[in-house]
Amino acid sequence: MDGRARWQVVYNELHTLIEEGKYAPGEQLPPERELVERFGFSRATIRTALTRLEQAGLVYAGAGSVGRTVRRPLEIHFDASKFEVGAYKDDEVRGVDQWLSNVEEQGWEGRQVVTVTTRSAPQQVARWLAVEPGTRLVRRRRVRMVRKPPGVEWIPVMLADSWFPEDVAHRKVDGIAPLLEERDITMPGGIIRSIGIRQVKFVDEIRSRMPADDERSLLALPTGTPVGEHARIGIDEHGRRIRVLASVFAGDKQYVRYELPVAQPEAEVKSA
């Protein structure tokens, strides 16, 4: 076995078969007892290899006696270079915000479930908003899902948590505080602009990490799946950090995309 552990022999062969399409997305791998006979290794060795395939995001374990199933590949991009930059693209007539519009452009149907709560600022959020940890903030959470009938049913792909100081969240327009509404809501130029706040600067932070328990549950993440986190901090004309949008997404389902212009030397611009 050229020095490889026995579980790695099983892992490598199954990994190759999945990559080559011999086991197609949605298809079950052979049961453990069949793999024991096939490789001549113990059941514990086979389980270790299957667990490693789960951790690699290639298969997931079914409930009860159901074995491991090959995961369907899914890639959606979040275009951060267009989000909130330039002409705002919310569709107020259909109630479609920029994220929904973005996934529709990629051929998906999207929806999101909105909840609004007031809670103490976690340490990371407090840093983003430059407030003391424990400061009372309003969190507007959107659980974002996509599907592509008939083959793919609703799949959670992103948690979008917008955090606001209480005075910002309670601002009203036309008699309502839109940031407190537990529903999809779009407004001309975006909600922030509609409540009288002009954001003049964004600060983005992107990281990868392991998910928190609630993120793992809400995104239905298999064991070992990392998440990506894109945080955009909005700063107003007075230098105040008035909100942060922290988008957390399954690392194997979504990615952040930027398309940025390259500044040209002044001499080249004049000669052009």
C-alpha atoms as a PDB file:
ATOM      1  CA  MET A   1       0.000   0.000   0.000  1.00  0.00           C
ATOM      2  CA  ASP A   2       3.096   2.248  -0.500  1.00  0.00           C
ATOM      3  CA  GLY A   3       2.982   3.516   3.080  1.00  0.00           C
ATOM      4  CA  ARG A   4      -0.561   4.877   2.921  1.00  0.00           C
ATOM      5  CA  ALA A   5      -3.008   4.204   5.728  1.00  0.00           C
ATOM      6  CA  ARG A   6      -5.722   1.732   4.798  1.00  0.00           C
ATOM      7  CA  TRP A   7      -8.514   4.283   5.088  1.00  0.00           C
ATOM      8  CA  GLN A   8      -6.610   6.482   2.610  1.00  0.00           C
ATOM      9  CA  VAL A   9      -6.597   3.701   0.008  1.00  0.00           C
ATOM     10  CA  VAL A  10     -10.389   3.518   0.229  1.00  0.00           C
ATOM     11  CA  TYR A  11     -10.736   7.294   0.323  1.00  0.00           C
ATOM     12  CA  ASN A  12      -8.534   7.852  -2.737  1.00  0.00           C
ATOM     13  CA  GLU A  13     -10.352   5.288  -4.865  1.00  0.00           C
ATOM     14  CA  LEU A  14     -13.833   6.534  -3.980  1.00  0.00           C
ATOM     15  CA  HIS A  15     -12.706  10.146  -4.379  1.00  0.00           C
ATOM     16  CA  THR A  16     -11.439   9.370  -7.894  1.00  0.00           C
ATOM     17  CA  LEU A  17     -14.644   7.555  -8.861  1.00  0.00           C
ATOM     18  CA  ILE A  18     -16.727  10.526  -7.685  1.00  0.00           C
ATOM     19  CA  GLU A  19     -14.522  13.020  -9.512  1.00  0.00           C
ATOM     20  CA  GLU A  20     -14.753  10.962 -12.716  1.00  0.00           C
ATOM     21  CA  GLY A  21     -18.541  10.753 -12.436  1.00  0.00           C
ATOM     22  CA  LYS A  22     -18.661   6.987 -11.875  1.00  0.00           C
ATOM     23  CA  TYR A  23     -20.777   7.827  -8.829  1.00  0.00           C
ATOM     24  CA  ALA A  24     -23.063  10.621 -10.012  1.00  0.00           C
ATOM     25  CA  PRO A  25     -24.504  13.468  -7.896  1.00  0.00           C
ATOM     26  CA  GLY A  26     -27.481  12.157  -5.939  1.00  0.00           C
ATOM     27  CA  GLU A  27     -26.309   8.543  -6.237  1.00  0.00           C
ATOM     28  CA  GLN A  28     -25.563   6.461  -3.156  1.00  0.00           C
ATOM     29  CA  LEU A  29     -22.174   4.912  -2.528  1.00  0.00           C
ATOM     30  CA  PRO A  30     -22.107   1.159  -1.904  1.00  0.00           C
ATOM     31  CA  PRO A  31     -23.063   0.228   1.676  1.00  0.00           C
ATOM     32  CA  GLU A  32     -20.330  -0.301   4.255  1.00  0.00           C
ATOM     33  CA  ARG A  33     -20.597  -4.092   4.221  1.00  0.00           C
ATOM     34  CA  GLU A  34     -20.084  -4.163   0.451  1.00  0.00           C
ATOM     35  CA  LEU A  35     -17.038  -1.896   0.745  1.00  0.00           C
ATOM     36  CA  VAL A  36     -15.623  -4.158   3.495  1.00  0.00           C
ATOM     37  CA  GLU A  37     -15.834  -7.117   1.109  1.00  0.00           C
ATOM     38  CA  ARG A  38     -14.489  -5.117  -1.827  1.00  0.00           C
ATOM     39  CA  PHE A  39     -11.391  -3.763  -0.091  1.00  0.00           C
ATOM     40  CA  GLY A  40     -10.838  -6.484   2.487  1.00  0.00           C
ATOM     41  CA  PHE A  41     -10.497  -3.938   5.297  1.00  0.00           C
ATOM     42  CA  SER A  42     -12.308  -3.628   8.608  1.00  0.00           C
ATOM     43  CA  ARG A  43     -15.595  -1.767   8.934  1.00  0.00           C
ATOM     44  CA  ALA A  44     -13.852   0.825  11.127  1.00  0.00           C
ATOM     45  CA  THR A  45     -11.391   1.545   8.291  1.00  0.00           C
ATOM     46  CA  ILE A  46     -14.226   1.917   5.778  1.00  0.00           C
ATOM     47  CA  ARG A  47     -16.093   4.296   8.102  1.00  0.00           C
ATOM     48  CA  THR A  48     -12.976   6.429   8.547  1.00  0.00           C
ATOM     49  CA  ALA A  49     -12.666   6.763   4.754  1.00  0.00           C
ATOM     50  CA  LEU A  50     -16.351   7.651   4.383  1.00  0.00           C
ATOM     51  CA  THR A  51     -16.091  10.207   7.179  1.00  0.00           C
ATOM     52  CA  ARG A  52     -13.146  11.812   5.390  1.00  0.00           C
ATOM     53  CA  LEU A  53     -15.234  12.003   2.194  1.00  0.00           C
ATOM     54  CA  GLU A  54     -17.961  13.772   4.188  1.00  0.00           C
ATOM     55  CA  GLN A  55     -15.417  16.216   5.604  1.00  0.00           C
ATOM     56  CA  ALA A  56     -14.178  16.883   2.068  1.00  0.00           C
ATOM     57  CA  GLY A  57     -17.733  17.840   1.093  1.00  0.00           C
ATOM     58  CA  LEU A  58     -18.075  15.067  -1.508  1.00  0.00           C
ATOM     59  CA  VAL A  59     -20.792  12.997   0.185  1.00  0.00           C
ATOM     60  CA  TYR A  60     -23.321  13.363   2.958  1.00  0.00           C
ATOM     61  CA  ALA A  61     -24.770  10.823   5.353  1.00  0.00           C
ATOM     62  CA  GLY A  62     -28.479  10.082   5.187  1.00  0.00           C
ATOM     63  CA  ALA A  63     -30.763   9.508   8.169  1.00  0.00           C
ATOM     64  CA  GLY A  64     -31.211   6.092   9.707  1.00  0.00           C
ATOM     65  CA  SER A  65     -29.986   3.201   7.592  1.00  0.00           C
ATOM     66  CA  VAL A  66     -29.488   5.304   4.465  1.00  0.00           C
ATOM     67  CA  GLY A  67     -25.842   5.349   3.383  1.00  0.00           C
ATOM     68  CA  ARG A  68     -23.677   8.085   1.931  1.00  0.00           C
ATOM     69  CA  THR A  69     -24.930  10.039  -1.067  1.00  0.00           C
ATOM     70  CA  VAL A  70     -22.800  11.988  -3.533  1.00  0.00           C
ATOM     71  CA  ARG A  71     -23.476  15.692  -3.168  1.00  0.00           C
ATOM     72  CA  ARG A  72     -24.746  17.752  -6.062  1.00  0.00           C
ATOM     73  CA  PRO A  73     -22.275  20.436  -7.112  1.00  0.00           C
ATOM     74  CA  LEU A  74     -23.673  23.933  -6.702  1.00  0.00           C
ATOM     75  CA  GLU A  75     -21.959  27.235  -7.355  1.00  0.00           C
ATOM     76  CA  ILE A  76     -23.543  30.659  -7.011  1.00  0.00           C
ATOM     77  CA  HIS A  77     -21.581  33.871  -6.937  1.00  0.00           C
ATOM     78  CA  PHE A  78     -22.305  36.977  -4.918  1.00  0.00           C
ATOM     79  CA  ASP A  79     -21.217  39.990  -6.971  1.00  0.00           C
ATOM     80  CA  ALA A  80     -19.811  42.275  -4.288  1.00  0.00           C
ATOM     81  CA  SER A  81     -18.406  44.764  -6.799  1.00  0.00           C
ATOM     82  CA  LYS A  82     -21.925  45.674  -7.993  1.00  0.00           C
ATOM     83  CA  PHE A  83     -23.757  45.354  -4.676  1.00  0.00           C
ATOM     84  CA  GLU A  84     -24.745  48.839  -3.434  1.00  0.00           C
ATOM     85  CA  VAL A  85     -22.320  50.459  -5.883  1.00  0.00           C
ATOM     86  CA  GLY A  86     -23.443  52.705  -8.754  1.00  0.00           C
ATOM     87  CA  ALA A  87     -27.054  52.511  -9.917  1.00  0.00           C
ATOM     88  CA  TYR A  88     -29.105  50.663  -7.325  1.00  0.00           C
ATOM     89  CA  LYS A  89     -30.847  47.613  -8.802  1.00  0.00           C
ATOM     90  CA  ASP A  90     -33.631  46.759  -6.365  1.00  0.00           C
ATOM     91  CA  ASP A  91     -36.871  46.051  -8.224  1.00  0.00           C
ATOM     92  CA  GLU A  92     -39.518  47.769  -6.079  1.00  0.00           C
ATOM     93  CA  VAL A  93     -42.382  46.581  -8.321  1.00  0.00           C
ATOM     94  CA  ARG A  94     -41.597  42.882  -7.850  1.00  0.00           C
ATOM     95  CA  GLY A  95     -40.022  43.329  -4.408  1.00  0.00           C
ATOM     96  CA  VAL A  96     -36.730  41.858  -5.636  1.00  0.00           C
ATOM     97  CA  ASP A  97     -33.542  43.088  -4.000  1.00  0.00           C
ATOM     98  CA  GLN A  98     -30.029  42.932  -5.439  1.00  0.00           C
ATOM     99  CA  TRP A  99     -29.279  39.463  -4.083  1.00  0.00           C
ATOM    100  CA  LEU A 100     -32.467  37.997  -5.560  1.00  0.00           C
ATOM    101  CA  SER A 101     -31.800  39.733  -8.845  1.00  0.00           C
ATOM    102  CA  ASN A 102     -28.251  38.371  -8.847  1.00  0.00           C
ATOM    103  CA  VAL A 103     -29.295  34.724  -8.349  1.00  0.00           C
ATOM    104  CA  GLU A 104     -32.062  35.071 -10.945  1.00  0.00           C
ATOM    105  CA  GLU A 105     -29.469  36.236 -13.461  1.00  0.00           C
ATOM    106  CA  GLN A 106     -27.635  32.963 -12.748  1.00  0.00           C
ATOM    107  CA  GLY A 107     -30.736  30.889 -13.499  1.00  0.00           C
ATOM    108  CA  TRP A 108     -31.949  30.265  -9.963  1.00  0.00           C
ATOM    109  CA  GLU A 109     -35.179  31.031  -8.161  1.00  0.00           C
ATOM    110  CA  GLY A 110     -34.538  32.656  -4.791  1.00  0.00           C
ATOM    111  CA  ARG A 111     -36.393  33.514  -1.618  1.00  0.00           C
ATOM    112  CA  GLN A 112     -35.494  34.725   1.848  1.00  0.00           C
ATOM    113  CA  VAL A 113     -37.029  34.499   5.307  1.00  0.00           C
ATOM    114  CA  VAL A 114     -36.633  37.678   7.369  1.00  0.00           C
ATOM    115  CA  THR A 115     -36.521  37.980  11.170  1.00  0.00           C
ATOM    116  CA  VAL A 116     -35.742  41.089  13.243  1.00  0.00           C
ATOM    117  CA  THR A 117     -34.494  41.001  16.840  1.00  0.00           C
ATOM    118  CA  THR A 118     -32.823  43.348  19.314  1.00  0.00           C
ATOM    119  CA  ARG A 119     -29.788  41.832  21.012  1.00  0.00           C
ATOM    120  CA  SER A 120     -26.426  42.543  22.589  1.00  0.00           C
ATOM    121  CA  ALA A 121     -23.570  43.126  20.164  1.00  0.00           C
ATOM    122  CA  PRO A 122     -21.235  40.129  19.836  1.00  0.00           C
ATOM    123  CA  GLN A 123     -17.564  41.016  20.050  1.00  0.00           C
ATOM    124  CA  GLN A 124     -16.966  40.824  16.294  1.00  0.00           C
ATOM    125  CA  VAL A 125     -20.018  42.946  15.446  1.00  0.00           C
ATOM    126  CA  ALA A 126     -19.025  45.478  18.110  1.00  0.00           C
ATOM    127  CA  ARG A 127     -15.617  45.803  16.452  1.00  0.00           C
ATOM    128  CA  TRP A 128     -17.183  46.311  13.034  1.00  0.00           C
ATOM    129  CA  LEU A 129     -19.492  49.050  14.309  1.00  0.00           C
ATOM    130  CA  ALA A 130     -16.968  50.574  16.722  1.00  0.00           C
ATOM    131  CA  VAL A 131     -19.224  50.155  19.764  1.00  0.00           C
ATOM    132  CA  GLU A 132     -18.743  48.456  23.118  1.00  0.00           C
ATOM    133  CA  PRO A 133     -19.451  44.696  23.249  1.00  0.00           C
ATOM    134  CA  GLY A 134     -22.906  44.190  24.717  1.00  0.00           C
ATOM    135  CA  THR A 135     -24.320  47.396  23.182  1.00  0.00           C
ATOM    136  CA  ARG A 136     -27.961  46.903  22.215  1.00  0.00           C
ATOM    137  CA  LEU A 137     -28.266  46.562  18.433  1.00  0.00           C
ATOM    138  CA  VAL A 138     -30.970  45.527  15.995  1.00  0.00           C
ATOM    139  CA  ARG A 139     -30.215  42.465  13.868  1.00  0.00           C
ATOM    140  CA  ARG A 140     -32.135  41.973  10.635  1.00  0.00           C
ATOM    141  CA  ARG A 141     -31.510  38.371   9.540  1.00  0.00           C
ATOM    142  CA  ARG A 142     -32.326  36.984   6.119  1.00  0.00           C
ATOM    143  CA  VAL A 143     -32.063  33.237   5.507  1.00  0.00           C
ATOM    144  CA  ARG A 144     -31.522  33.052   1.765  1.00  0.00           C
ATOM    145  CA  MET A 145     -32.449  29.986  -0.297  1.00  0.00           C
ATOM    146  CA  VAL A 146     -32.356  28.977  -3.948  1.00  0.00           C
ATOM    147  CA  ARG A 147     -33.889  26.282  -6.097  1.00  0.00           C
ATOM    148  CA  LYS A 148     -33.928  25.215  -9.722  1.00  0.00           C
ATOM    149  CA  PRO A 149     -36.986  23.071 -10.507  1.00  0.00           C
ATOM    150  CA  PRO A 150     -37.405  20.266 -11.199  1.00  0.00           C
ATOM    151  CA  GLY A 151     -34.008  18.901 -10.194  1.00  0.00           C
ATOM    152  CA  VAL A 152     -33.033  21.022  -7.199  1.00  0.00           C
ATOM    153  CA  GLU A 153     -35.462  21.903  -4.407  1.00  0.00           C
ATOM    154  CA  TRP A 154     -34.980  24.727  -1.893  1.00  0.00           C
ATOM    155  CA  ILE A 155     -31.413  24.831  -0.550  1.00  0.00           C
ATOM    156  CA  PRO A 156     -30.259  27.355   2.095  1.00  0.00           C
ATOM    157  CA  VAL A 157     -27.139  29.082   0.781  1.00  0.00           C
ATOM    158  CA  MET A 158     -26.625  32.262   2.829  1.00  0.00           C
ATOM    159  CA  LEU A 159     -27.348  34.004   6.119  1.00  0.00           C
ATOM    160  CA  ALA A 160     -27.378  37.771   5.633  1.00  0.00           C
ATOM    161  CA  ASP A 161     -27.290  39.531   9.023  1.00  0.00           C
ATOM    162  CA  SER A 162     -27.551  43.332   8.988  1.00  0.00           C
ATOM    163  CA  TRP A 163     -26.721  44.947  12.332  1.00  0.00           C
ATOM    164  CA  PHE A 164     -27.785  48.519  13.155  1.00  0.00           C
ATOM    165  CA  PRO A 165     -27.594  50.908  16.103  1.00  0.00           C
ATOM    166  CA  GLU A 166     -31.102  51.181  17.556  1.00  0.00           C
ATOM    167  CA  ASP A 167     -31.596  54.815  16.505  1.00  0.00           C
ATOM    168  CA  VAL A 168     -30.833  53.889  12.884  1.00  0.00           C
ATOM    169  CA  ALA A 169     -33.089  50.840  12.870  1.00  0.00           C
ATOM    170  CA  HIS A 170     -36.054  52.807  14.241  1.00  0.00           C
ATOM    171  CA  ARG A 171     -35.936  55.546  11.618  1.00  0.00           C
ATOM    172  CA  LYS A 172     -39.226  55.858   9.757  1.00  0.00           C
ATOM    173  CA  VAL A 173     -40.324  56.694   6.243  1.00  0.00           C
ATOM    174  CA  ASP A 174     -44.006  57.013   5.289  1.00  0.00           C
ATOM    175  CA  GLY A 175     -44.968  56.054   8.828  1.00  0.00           C
ATOM    176  CA  ILE A 176     -43.054  52.755   9.043  1.00  0.00           C
ATOM    177  CA  ALA A 177     -39.584  51.726  10.188  1.00  0.00           C
ATOM    178  CA  PRO A 178     -38.588  49.579   7.177  1.00  0.00           C
ATOM    179  CA  LEU A 179     -35.595  48.012   8.903  1.00  0.00           C
ATOM    180  CA  LEU A 180     -37.933  46.522  11.524  1.00  0.00           C
ATOM    181  CA  GLU A 181     -40.252  44.913   8.951  1.00  0.00           C
ATOM    182  CA  GLU A 182     -40.076  41.099   8.970  1.00  0.00           C
ATOM    183  CA  ARG A 183     -40.590  40.758   5.236  1.00  0.00           C
ATOM    184  CA  ASP A 184     -38.791  41.400   1.990  1.00  0.00           C
ATOM    185  CA  ILE A 185     -38.839  45.131   1.504  1.00  0.00           C
ATOM    186  CA  THR A 186     -37.306  47.269  -1.232  1.00  0.00           C
ATOM    187  CA  MET A 187     -37.265  51.041  -1.550  1.00  0.00           C
ATOM    188  CA  PRO A 188     -36.009  53.480  -4.195  1.00  0.00           C
ATOM    189  CA  GLY A 189     -32.247  53.791  -3.837  1.00  0.00           C
ATOM    190  CA  GLY A 190     -32.221  51.226  -1.028  1.00  0.00           C
ATOM    191  CA  ILE A 191     -33.575  51.290   2.507  1.00  0.00           C
ATOM    192  CA  ILE A 192     -30.602  53.139   4.023  1.00  0.00           C
ATOM    193  CA  ARG A 193     -30.907  56.037   1.605  1.00  0.00           C
ATOM    194  CA  SER A 194     -34.691  56.094   1.996  1.00  0.00           C
ATOM    195  CA  ILE A 195     -34.429  56.658   5.758  1.00  0.00           C
ATOM    196  CA  GLY A 196     -32.208  59.677   5.196  1.00  0.00           C
ATOM    197  CA  ILE A 197     -28.718  58.262   5.624  1.00  0.00           C
ATOM    198  CA  ARG A 198     -26.030  58.739   2.999  1.00  0.00           C
ATOM    199  CA  GLN A 199     -23.302  56.130   3.062  1.00  0.00           C
ATOM    200  CA  VAL A 200     -20.062  57.533   1.661  1.00  0.00           C
ATOM    201  CA  LYS A 201     -17.677  54.660   2.321  1.00  0.00           C
ATOM    202  CA  PHE A 202     -17.707  50.884   2.558  1.00  0.00           C
ATOM    203  CA  VAL A 203     -15.167  48.690   4.314  1.00  0.00           C
ATOM    204  CA  ASP A 204     -15.228  45.028   3.286  1.00  0.00           C
ATOM    205  CA  GLU A 205     -13.749  42.110   5.228  1.00  0.00           C
ATOM    206  CA  ILE A 206     -13.671  38.564   3.859  1.00  0.00           C
ATOM    207  CA  ARG A 207     -12.664  35.486   5.788  1.00  0.00           C
ATOM    208  CA  SER A 208     -13.230  31.743   5.910  1.00  0.00           C
ATOM    209  CA  ARG A 209     -13.930  29.912   9.144  1.00  0.00           C
ATOM    210  CA  MET A 210     -15.818  27.023  10.664  1.00  0.00           C
ATOM    211  CA  PRO A 211     -19.522  27.703  11.278  1.00  0.00           C
ATOM    212  CA  ALA A 212     -21.216  28.468  14.574  1.00  0.00           C
ATOM    213  CA  ASP A 213     -23.877  25.997  15.717  1.00  0.00           C
ATOM    214  CA  ASP A 214     -26.823  28.085  14.487  1.00  0.00           C
ATOM    215  CA  GLU A 215     -25.133  28.678  11.129  1.00  0.00           C
ATOM    216  CA  ARG A 216     -24.496  24.955  10.710  1.00  0.00           C
ATOM    217  CA  SER A 217     -28.152  24.210  11.429  1.00  0.00           C
ATOM    218  CA  LEU A 218     -29.735  26.993   9.333  1.00  0.00           C
ATOM    219  CA  LEU A 219     -27.514  26.300   6.330  1.00  0.00           C
ATOM    220  CA  ALA A 220     -27.896  22.507   6.710  1.00  0.00           C
ATOM    221  CA  LEU A 221     -24.127  22.088   6.543  1.00  0.00           C
ATOM    222  CA  PRO A 222     -22.566  18.617   6.503  1.00  0.00           C
ATOM    223  CA  THR A 223     -19.947  17.963   9.146  1.00  0.00           C
ATOM    224  CA  GLY A 224     -16.671  19.680   8.414  1.00  0.00           C
ATOM    225  CA  THR A 225     -17.994  22.192   5.869  1.00  0.00           C
ATOM    226  CA  PRO A 226     -16.418  25.641   6.269  1.00  0.00           C
ATOM    227  CA  VAL A 227     -18.234  28.898   5.644  1.00  0.00           C
ATOM    228  CA  GLY A 228     -17.197  32.097   3.953  1.00  0.00           C
ATOM    229  CA  GLU A 229     -18.012  35.428   5.561  1.00  0.00           C
ATOM    230  CA  HIS A 230     -18.261  38.732   3.718  1.00  0.00           C
ATOM    231  CA  ALA A 231     -18.773  41.738   6.009  1.00  0.00           C
ATOM    232  CA  ARG A 232     -19.566  45.149   4.548  1.00  0.00           C
ATOM    233  CA  ILE A 233     -19.440  48.088   6.961  1.00  0.00           C
ATOM    234  CA  GLY A 234     -21.351  51.200   5.902  1.00  0.00           C
ATOM    235  CA  ILE A 235     -19.963  54.578   7.004  1.00  0.00           C
ATOM    236  CA  ASP A 236     -21.952  57.803   6.736  1.00  0.00           C
ATOM    237  CA  GLU A 237     -20.795  61.323   5.854  1.00  0.00           C
ATOM    238  CA  HIS A 238     -20.013  62.047   9.516  1.00  0.00           C
ATOM    239  CA  GLY A 239     -17.697  59.040   9.805  1.00  0.00           C
ATOM    240  CA  ARG A 240     -20.183  56.988  11.847  1.00  0.00           C
ATOM    241  CA  ARG A 241     -20.451  53.256  11.234  1.00  0.00           C
ATOM    242  CA  ILE A 242     -24.204  52.958  10.778  1.00  0.00           C
ATOM    243  CA  ARG A 243     -24.512  49.285   9.865  1.00  0.00           C
ATOM    244  CA  VAL A 244     -22.675  46.111   8.989  1.00  0.00           C
ATOM    245  CA  LEU A 245     -24.013  43.418   6.684  1.00  0.00           C
ATOM    246  CA  ALA A 246     -22.383  40.083   7.491  1.00  0.00           C
ATOM    247  CA  SER A 247     -23.160  37.505   4.806  1.00  0.00           C
ATOM    248  CA  VAL A 248     -22.281  33.945   5.774  1.00  0.00           C
ATOM    249  CA  PHE A 249     -22.454  31.279   3.084  1.00  0.00           C
ATOM    250  CA  ALA A 250     -21.672  27.613   2.664  1.00  0.00           C
ATOM    251  CA  GLY A 251     -18.108  27.443   1.423  1.00  0.00           C
ATOM    252  CA  ASP A 252     -18.985  24.761  -1.136  1.00  0.00           C
ATOM    253  CA  LYS A 253     -22.069  26.537  -2.548  1.00  0.00           C
ATOM    254  CA  GLN A 254     -21.287  30.207  -2.967  1.00  0.00           C
ATOM    255  CA  TYR A 255     -18.379  32.536  -3.520  1.00  0.00           C
ATOM    256  CA  VAL A 256     -17.743  36.278  -3.566  1.00  0.00           C
ATOM    257  CA  ARG A 257     -16.888  37.871  -6.894  1.00  0.00           C
ATOM    258  CA  TYR A 258     -15.331  41.289  -7.549  1.00  0.00           C
ATOM    259  CA  GLU A 259     -14.895  43.088 -10.853  1.00  0.00           C
ATOM    260  CA  LEU A 260     -12.857  46.251 -10.315  1.00  0.00           C
ATOM    261  CA  PRO A 261     -11.471  48.861 -12.710  1.00  0.00           C
ATOM    262  CA  VAL A 262      -7.709  49.365 -12.864  1.00  0.00           C
ATOM    263  CA  ALA A 263      -6.528  52.941 -12.370  1.00  0.00           C
ATOM    264  CA  GLN A 264      -4.557  54.174 -15.366  1.00  0.00           C
ATOM    265  CA  PRO A 265      -1.539  56.538 -15.197  1.00  0.00           C
ATOM    266  CA  GLU A 266      -2.584  60.089 -16.053  1.00  0.00           C
ATOM    267  CA  ALA A 267      -0.254  60.249 -19.073  1.00  0.00           C
ATOM    268  CA  GLU A 268      -1.874  57.158 -20.614  1.00  0.00           C
ATOM    269  CA  VAL A 269      -5.367  58.564 -20.054  1.00  0.00           C
ATOM    270  CA  LYS A 270      -4.457  61.842 -21.830  1.00  0.00           C
ATOM    271  CA  SER A 271      -2.831  60.083 -24.785  1.00  0.00           C
ATOM    272  CA  ALA A 272      -5.858  57.825 -25.214  1.00  0.00           C
END
